[in-house]
Amino acid sequence: MCERTGPDHVELDRDDRHLLDLLGAGTSATGAAEGLGVPLAEVARRLTALRARYGVTSTREVLEHYRSQR
């Protein structure tokens, strides 16, 4: 699977993709933290960084952008 590139394209590392896949499947942030083996604070930090990189204010918007890149 190849991600598109373009002006709205955001490069994601494997951990960010895994986090967004978990959240996109309906996993809670706590469940995603457990699935990734990281503290909940790390999930919050990553989501904050992803919102900034995508230039949006909600995790829902991050997931929408992520899905459109796939």
PDB file of N, CA and C in Angstrom:
ATOM      1  N   MET A   1       0.856  -1.159   0.000  1.00  0.00           N
ATOM      2  CA  MET A   1       0.000   0.000   0.000  1.00  0.00           C
ATOM      3  C   MET A   1       0.907   1.228   0.000  1.00  0.00           C
ATOM      4  N   CYS A   2       0.675   2.142  -0.917  1.00  0.00           N
ATOM      5  CA  CYS A   2       1.508   3.320  -1.071  1.00  0.00           C
ATOM      6  C   CYS A   2       0.692   4.559  -0.728  1.00  0.00           C
ATOM      7  N   GLU A   3       1.235   5.390   0.157  1.00  0.00           N
ATOM      8  CA  GLU A   3       0.532   6.606   0.500  1.00  0.00           C
ATOM      9  C   GLU A   3       0.789   7.664  -0.564  1.00  0.00           C
ATOM     10  N   ARG A   4      -0.240   8.460  -0.851  1.00  0.00           N
ATOM     11  CA  ARG A   4      -0.121   9.523  -1.837  1.00  0.00           C
ATOM     12  C   ARG A   4       0.748  10.644  -1.284  1.00  0.00           C
ATOM     13  N   THR A   5       1.271  11.427  -2.202  1.00  0.00           N
ATOM     14  CA  THR A   5       1.984  12.632  -1.804  1.00  0.00           C
ATOM     15  C   THR A   5       1.290  13.815  -2.442  1.00  0.00           C
ATOM     16  N   GLY A   6       1.474  14.962  -1.873  1.00  0.00           N
ATOM     17  CA  GLY A   6       0.851  16.168  -2.381  1.00  0.00           C
ATOM     18  C   GLY A   6       0.934  17.245  -1.329  1.00  0.00           C
ATOM     19  N   PRO A   7       0.305  18.378  -1.581  1.00  0.00           N
ATOM     20  CA  PRO A   7       0.420  19.492  -0.647  1.00  0.00           C
ATOM     21  C   PRO A   7      -0.145  19.197   0.734  1.00  0.00           C
ATOM     22  N   ASP A   8      -1.131  18.312   0.842  1.00  0.00           N
ATOM     23  CA  ASP A   8      -1.725  17.980   2.135  1.00  0.00           C
ATOM     24  C   ASP A   8      -1.168  16.693   2.720  1.00  0.00           C
ATOM     25  N   HIS A   9      -0.168  16.125   2.059  1.00  0.00           N
ATOM     26  CA  HIS A   9       0.390  14.851   2.508  1.00  0.00           C
ATOM     27  C   HIS A   9       1.241  15.050   3.760  1.00  0.00           C
ATOM     28  N   VAL A  10       1.032  14.206   4.754  1.00  0.00           N
ATOM     29  CA  VAL A  10       1.819  14.222   5.984  1.00  0.00           C
ATOM     30  C   VAL A  10       2.507  12.869   6.096  1.00  0.00           C
ATOM     31  N   GLU A  11       3.831  12.893   6.188  1.00  0.00           N
ATOM     32  CA  GLU A  11       4.578  11.641   6.373  1.00  0.00           C
ATOM     33  C   GLU A  11       4.347  11.135   7.787  1.00  0.00           C
ATOM     34  N   LEU A  12       4.033   9.861   7.896  1.00  0.00           N
ATOM     35  CA  LEU A  12       3.785   9.241   9.194  1.00  0.00           C
ATOM     36  C   LEU A  12       4.743   8.085   9.391  1.00  0.00           C
ATOM     37  N   ASP A  13       5.223   7.953  10.622  1.00  0.00           N
ATOM     38  CA  ASP A  13       6.059   6.791  10.903  1.00  0.00           C
ATOM     39  C   ASP A  13       5.158   5.607  11.260  1.00  0.00           C
ATOM     40  N   ARG A  14       5.767   4.471  11.407  1.00  0.00           N
ATOM     41  CA  ARG A  14       5.019   3.231  11.665  1.00  0.00           C
ATOM     42  C   ARG A  14       4.173   3.342  12.929  1.00  0.00           C
ATOM     43  N   ASP A  15       4.718   3.954  13.992  1.00  0.00           N
ATOM     44  CA  ASP A  15       3.976   4.073  15.247  1.00  0.00           C
ATOM     45  C   ASP A  15       2.749   4.976  15.094  1.00  0.00           C
ATOM     46  N   ASP A  16       2.898   6.089  14.361  1.00  0.00           N
ATOM     47  CA  ASP A  16       1.752   6.965  14.128  1.00  0.00           C
ATOM     48  C   ASP A  16       0.679   6.253  13.316  1.00  0.00           C
ATOM     49  N   ARG A  17       1.091   5.520  12.278  1.00  0.00           N
ATOM     50  CA  ARG A  17       0.107   4.775  11.470  1.00  0.00           C
ATOM     51  C   ARG A  17      -0.606   3.733  12.322  1.00  0.00           C
ATOM     52  N   HIS A  18       0.144   3.022  13.175  1.00  0.00           N
ATOM     53  CA  HIS A  18      -0.460   2.007  14.044  1.00  0.00           C
ATOM     54  C   HIS A  18      -1.464   2.658  14.991  1.00  0.00           C
ATOM     55  N   LEU A  19      -1.089   3.793  15.587  1.00  0.00           N
ATOM     56  CA  LEU A  19      -2.000   4.503  16.479  1.00  0.00           C
ATOM     57  C   LEU A  19      -3.271   4.901  15.736  1.00  0.00           C
ATOM     58  N   LEU A  20      -3.125   5.490  14.563  1.00  0.00           N
ATOM     59  CA  LEU A  20      -4.307   5.926  13.814  1.00  0.00           C
ATOM     60  C   LEU A  20      -5.146   4.755  13.329  1.00  0.00           C
ATOM     61  N   ASP A  21      -4.514   3.639  13.004  1.00  0.00           N
ATOM     62  CA  ASP A  21      -5.279   2.440  12.638  1.00  0.00           C
ATOM     63  C   ASP A  21      -6.113   1.953  13.816  1.00  0.00           C
ATOM     64  N   LEU A  22      -5.511   1.940  15.003  1.00  0.00           N
ATOM     65  CA  LEU A  22      -6.248   1.507  16.200  1.00  0.00           C
ATOM     66  C   LEU A  22      -7.424   2.444  16.475  1.00  0.00           C
ATOM     67  N   LEU A  23      -7.171   3.746  16.460  1.00  0.00           N
ATOM     68  CA  LEU A  23      -8.242   4.704  16.738  1.00  0.00           C
ATOM     69  C   LEU A  23      -9.315   4.663  15.654  1.00  0.00           C
ATOM     70  N   GLY A  24      -8.903   4.500  14.417  1.00  0.00           N
ATOM     71  CA  GLY A  24      -9.854   4.422  13.312  1.00  0.00           C
ATOM     72  C   GLY A  24     -10.749   3.200  13.391  1.00  0.00           C
ATOM     73  N   ALA A  25     -10.246   2.145  14.059  1.00  0.00           N
ATOM     74  CA  ALA A  25     -11.031   0.920  14.232  1.00  0.00           C
ATOM     75  C   ALA A  25     -11.952   1.008  15.449  1.00  0.00           C
ATOM     76  N   GLY A  26     -11.926   2.172  16.128  1.00  0.00           N
ATOM     77  CA  GLY A  26     -12.819   2.354  17.269  1.00  0.00           C
ATOM     78  C   GLY A  26     -12.196   2.075  18.616  1.00  0.00           C
ATOM     79  N   THR A  27     -10.902   1.816  18.640  1.00  0.00           N
ATOM     80  CA  THR A  27     -10.214   1.577  19.909  1.00  0.00           C
ATOM     81  C   THR A  27     -10.107   2.887  20.676  1.00  0.00           C
ATOM     82  N   SER A  28     -10.326   2.837  21.964  1.00  0.00           N
ATOM     83  CA  SER A  28     -10.193   4.038  22.789  1.00  0.00           C
ATOM     84  C   SER A  28      -8.721   4.430  22.894  1.00  0.00           C
ATOM     85  N   ALA A  29      -8.464   5.641  23.352  1.00  0.00           N
ATOM     86  CA  ALA A  29      -7.087   6.077  23.548  1.00  0.00           C
ATOM     87  C   ALA A  29      -6.387   5.190  24.578  1.00  0.00           C
ATOM     88  N   THR A  30      -7.100   4.793  25.607  1.00  0.00           N
ATOM     89  CA  THR A  30      -6.521   3.903  26.617  1.00  0.00           C
ATOM     90  C   THR A  30      -6.194   2.548  26.003  1.00  0.00           C
ATOM     91  N   GLY A  31      -7.108   2.019  25.205  1.00  0.00           N
ATOM     92  CA  GLY A  31      -6.858   0.746  24.527  1.00  0.00           C
ATOM     93  C   GLY A  31      -5.710   0.850  23.545  1.00  0.00           C
ATOM     94  N   ALA A  32      -5.611   1.981  22.844  1.00  0.00           N
ATOM     95  CA  ALA A  32      -4.506   2.183  21.911  1.00  0.00           C
ATOM     96  C   ALA A  32      -3.182   2.226  22.659  1.00  0.00           C
ATOM     97  N   ALA A  33      -3.160   2.881  23.817  1.00  0.00           N
ATOM     98  CA  ALA A  33      -1.939   2.930  24.628  1.00  0.00           C
ATOM     99  C   ALA A  33      -1.519   1.523  25.027  1.00  0.00           C
ATOM    100  N   GLU A  34      -2.481   0.733  25.451  1.00  0.00           N
ATOM    101  CA  GLU A  34      -2.175  -0.656  25.816  1.00  0.00           C
ATOM    102  C   GLU A  34      -1.684  -1.433  24.606  1.00  0.00           C
ATOM    103  N   GLY A  35      -2.340  -1.255  23.465  1.00  0.00           N
ATOM    104  CA  GLY A  35      -1.952  -1.957  22.247  1.00  0.00           C
ATOM    105  C   GLY A  35      -0.562  -1.578  21.760  1.00  0.00           C
ATOM    106  N   LEU A  36      -0.187  -0.331  21.975  1.00  0.00           N
ATOM    107  CA  LEU A  36       1.133   0.136  21.566  1.00  0.00           C
ATOM    108  C   LEU A  36       2.192  -0.104  22.625  1.00  0.00           C
ATOM    109  N   GLY A  37       1.741  -0.410  23.849  1.00  0.00           N
ATOM    110  CA  GLY A  37       2.684  -0.622  24.943  1.00  0.00           C
ATOM    111  C   GLY A  37       3.321   0.669  25.432  1.00  0.00           C
ATOM    112  N   VAL A  38       2.548   1.763  25.383  1.00  0.00           N
ATOM    113  CA  VAL A  38       3.047   3.063  25.832  1.00  0.00           C
ATOM    114  C   VAL A  38       2.068   3.647  26.837  1.00  0.00           C
ATOM    115  N   PRO A  39       2.522   4.616  27.638  1.00  0.00           N
ATOM    116  CA  PRO A  39       1.595   5.271  28.570  1.00  0.00           C
ATOM    117  C   PRO A  39       0.553   6.092  27.826  1.00  0.00           C
ATOM    118  N   LEU A  40      -0.580   6.299  28.449  1.00  0.00           N
ATOM    119  CA  LEU A  40      -1.640   7.103  27.863  1.00  0.00           C
ATOM    120  C   LEU A  40      -1.129   8.508  27.537  1.00  0.00           C
ATOM    121  N   ALA A  41      -0.248   9.052  28.343  1.00  0.00           N
ATOM    122  CA  ALA A  41       0.310  10.384  28.089  1.00  0.00           C
ATOM    123  C   ALA A  41       1.062  10.425  26.758  1.00  0.00           C
ATOM    124  N   GLU A  42       1.681   9.313  26.370  1.00  0.00           N
ATOM    125  CA  GLU A  42       2.377   9.260  25.075  1.00  0.00           C
ATOM    126  C   GLU A  42       1.382   9.302  23.924  1.00  0.00           C
ATOM    127  N   VAL A  43       0.250   8.633  24.066  1.00  0.00           N
ATOM    128  CA  VAL A  43      -0.796   8.690  23.039  1.00  0.00           C
ATOM    129  C   VAL A  43      -1.291  10.128  22.925  1.00  0.00           C
ATOM    130  N   ALA A  44      -1.518  10.786  24.047  1.00  0.00           N
ATOM    131  CA  ALA A  44      -1.968  12.175  24.027  1.00  0.00           C
ATOM    132  C   ALA A  44      -0.929  13.068  23.348  1.00  0.00           C
ATOM    133  N   ARG A  45       0.347  12.854  23.631  1.00  0.00           N
ATOM    134  CA  ARG A  45       1.413  13.646  23.022  1.00  0.00           C
ATOM    135  C   ARG A  45       1.432  13.449  21.514  1.00  0.00           C
ATOM    136  N   ARG A  46       1.317  12.187  21.083  1.00  0.00           N
ATOM    137  CA  ARG A  46       1.329  11.887  19.642  1.00  0.00           C
ATOM    138  C   ARG A  46       0.126  12.506  18.935  1.00  0.00           C
ATOM    139  N   LEU A  47      -1.045  12.424  19.562  1.00  0.00           N
ATOM    140  CA  LEU A  47      -2.238  12.996  18.948  1.00  0.00           C
ATOM    141  C   LEU A  47      -2.136  14.517  18.848  1.00  0.00           C
ATOM    142  N   THR A  48      -1.578  15.141  19.861  1.00  0.00           N
ATOM    143  CA  THR A  48      -1.372  16.590  19.823  1.00  0.00           C
ATOM    144  C   THR A  48      -0.437  16.951  18.670  1.00  0.00           C
ATOM    145  N   ALA A  49       0.641  16.203  18.522  1.00  0.00           N
ATOM    146  CA  ALA A  49       1.603  16.450  17.442  1.00  0.00           C
ATOM    147  C   ALA A  49       0.957  16.208  16.073  1.00  0.00           C
ATOM    148  N   LEU A  50       0.144  15.163  15.960  1.00  0.00           N
ATOM    149  CA  LEU A  50      -0.517  14.872  14.687  1.00  0.00           C
ATOM    150  C   LEU A  50      -1.522  15.961  14.320  1.00  0.00           C
ATOM    151  N   ARG A  51      -2.275  16.456  15.310  1.00  0.00           N
ATOM    152  CA  ARG A  51      -3.211  17.547  15.034  1.00  0.00           C
ATOM    153  C   ARG A  51      -2.458  18.768  14.523  1.00  0.00           C
ATOM    154  N   ALA A  52      -1.311  19.060  15.114  1.00  0.00           N
ATOM    155  CA  ALA A  52      -0.509  20.204  14.666  1.00  0.00           C
ATOM    156  C   ALA A  52       0.026  19.972  13.259  1.00  0.00           C
ATOM    157  N   ARG A  53       0.513  18.772  12.982  1.00  0.00           N
ATOM    158  CA  ARG A  53       1.066  18.481  11.651  1.00  0.00           C
ATOM    159  C   ARG A  53       0.008  18.564  10.567  1.00  0.00           C
ATOM    160  N   TYR A  54      -1.203  18.114  10.879  1.00  0.00           N
ATOM    161  CA  TYR A  54      -2.289  18.180   9.902  1.00  0.00           C
ATOM    162  C   TYR A  54      -2.966  19.552   9.894  1.00  0.00           C
ATOM    163  N   GLY A  55      -2.680  20.377  10.897  1.00  0.00           N
ATOM    164  CA  GLY A  55      -3.285  21.704  10.960  1.00  0.00           C
ATOM    165  C   GLY A  55      -4.759  21.669  11.290  1.00  0.00           C
ATOM    166  N   VAL A  56      -5.149  20.728  12.153  1.00  0.00           N
ATOM    167  CA  VAL A  56      -6.556  20.572  12.537  1.00  0.00           C
ATOM    168  C   VAL A  56      -6.669  20.620  14.057  1.00  0.00           C
ATOM    169  N   THR A  57      -7.899  20.639  14.548  1.00  0.00           N
ATOM    170  CA  THR A  57      -8.104  20.777  15.989  1.00  0.00           C
ATOM    171  C   THR A  57      -8.692  19.543  16.665  1.00  0.00           C
ATOM    172  N   SER A  58      -9.000  18.508  15.894  1.00  0.00           N
ATOM    173  CA  SER A  58      -9.604  17.330  16.521  1.00  0.00           C
ATOM    174  C   SER A  58      -8.987  16.042  15.981  1.00  0.00           C
ATOM    175  N   THR A  59      -9.046  15.021  16.795  1.00  0.00           N
ATOM    176  CA  THR A  59      -8.569  13.711  16.368  1.00  0.00           C
ATOM    177  C   THR A  59      -9.424  13.174  15.224  1.00  0.00           C
ATOM    178  N   ARG A  60     -10.714  13.469  15.242  1.00  0.00           N
ATOM    179  CA  ARG A  60     -11.592  13.053  14.143  1.00  0.00           C
ATOM    180  C   ARG A  60     -11.074  13.597  12.812  1.00  0.00           C
ATOM    181  N   GLU A  61     -10.664  14.855  12.801  1.00  0.00           N
ATOM    182  CA  GLU A  61     -10.135  15.449  11.576  1.00  0.00           C
ATOM    183  C   GLU A  61      -8.818  14.789  11.157  1.00  0.00           C
ATOM    184  N   VAL A  62      -7.986  14.452  12.134  1.00  0.00           N
ATOM    185  CA  VAL A  62      -6.742  13.733  11.825  1.00  0.00           C
ATOM    186  C   VAL A  62      -7.078  12.422  11.133  1.00  0.00           C
ATOM    187  N   LEU A  63      -8.037  11.683  11.678  1.00  0.00           N
ATOM    188  CA  LEU A  63      -8.418  10.399  11.094  1.00  0.00           C
ATOM    189  C   LEU A  63      -8.975  10.568   9.686  1.00  0.00           C
ATOM    190  N   GLU A  64      -9.739  11.617   9.455  1.00  0.00           N
ATOM    191  CA  GLU A  64     -10.271  11.871   8.110  1.00  0.00           C
ATOM    192  C   GLU A  64      -9.135  12.125   7.121  1.00  0.00           C
ATOM    193  N   HIS A  65      -8.170  12.940   7.504  1.00  0.00           N
ATOM    194  CA  HIS A  65      -7.016  13.201   6.628  1.00  0.00           C
ATOM    195  C   HIS A  65      -6.221  11.932   6.392  1.00  0.00           C
ATOM    196  N   TYR A  66      -6.021  11.167   7.453  1.00  0.00           N
ATOM    197  CA  TYR A  66      -5.260   9.922   7.353  1.00  0.00           C
ATOM    198  C   TYR A  66      -5.928   8.966   6.368  1.00  0.00           C
ATOM    199  N   ARG A  67      -7.222   8.822   6.489  1.00  0.00           N
ATOM    200  CA  ARG A  67      -7.957   7.926   5.586  1.00  0.00           C
ATOM    201  C   ARG A  67      -7.870   8.404   4.149  1.00  0.00           C
ATOM    202  N   SER A  68      -7.890   9.707   3.933  1.00  0.00           N
ATOM    203  CA  SER A  68      -7.840  10.234   2.565  1.00  0.00           C
ATOM    204  C   SER A  68      -6.464  10.049   1.934  1.00  0.00           C
ATOM    205  N   GLN A  69      -5.435   9.853   2.736  1.00  0.00           N
ATOM    206  CA  GLN A  69      -4.085   9.640   2.220  1.00  0.00           C
ATOM    207  C   GLN A  69      -3.848   8.202   1.805  1.00  0.00           C
ATOM    208  N   ARG A  70      -4.660   7.313   2.264  1.00  0.00           N
ATOM    209  CA  ARG A  70      -4.414   5.882   2.032  1.00  0.00           C
ATOM    210  C   ARG A  70      -4.935   5.442   0.700  1.00  0.00           C
TER     211      ARG A  70
END
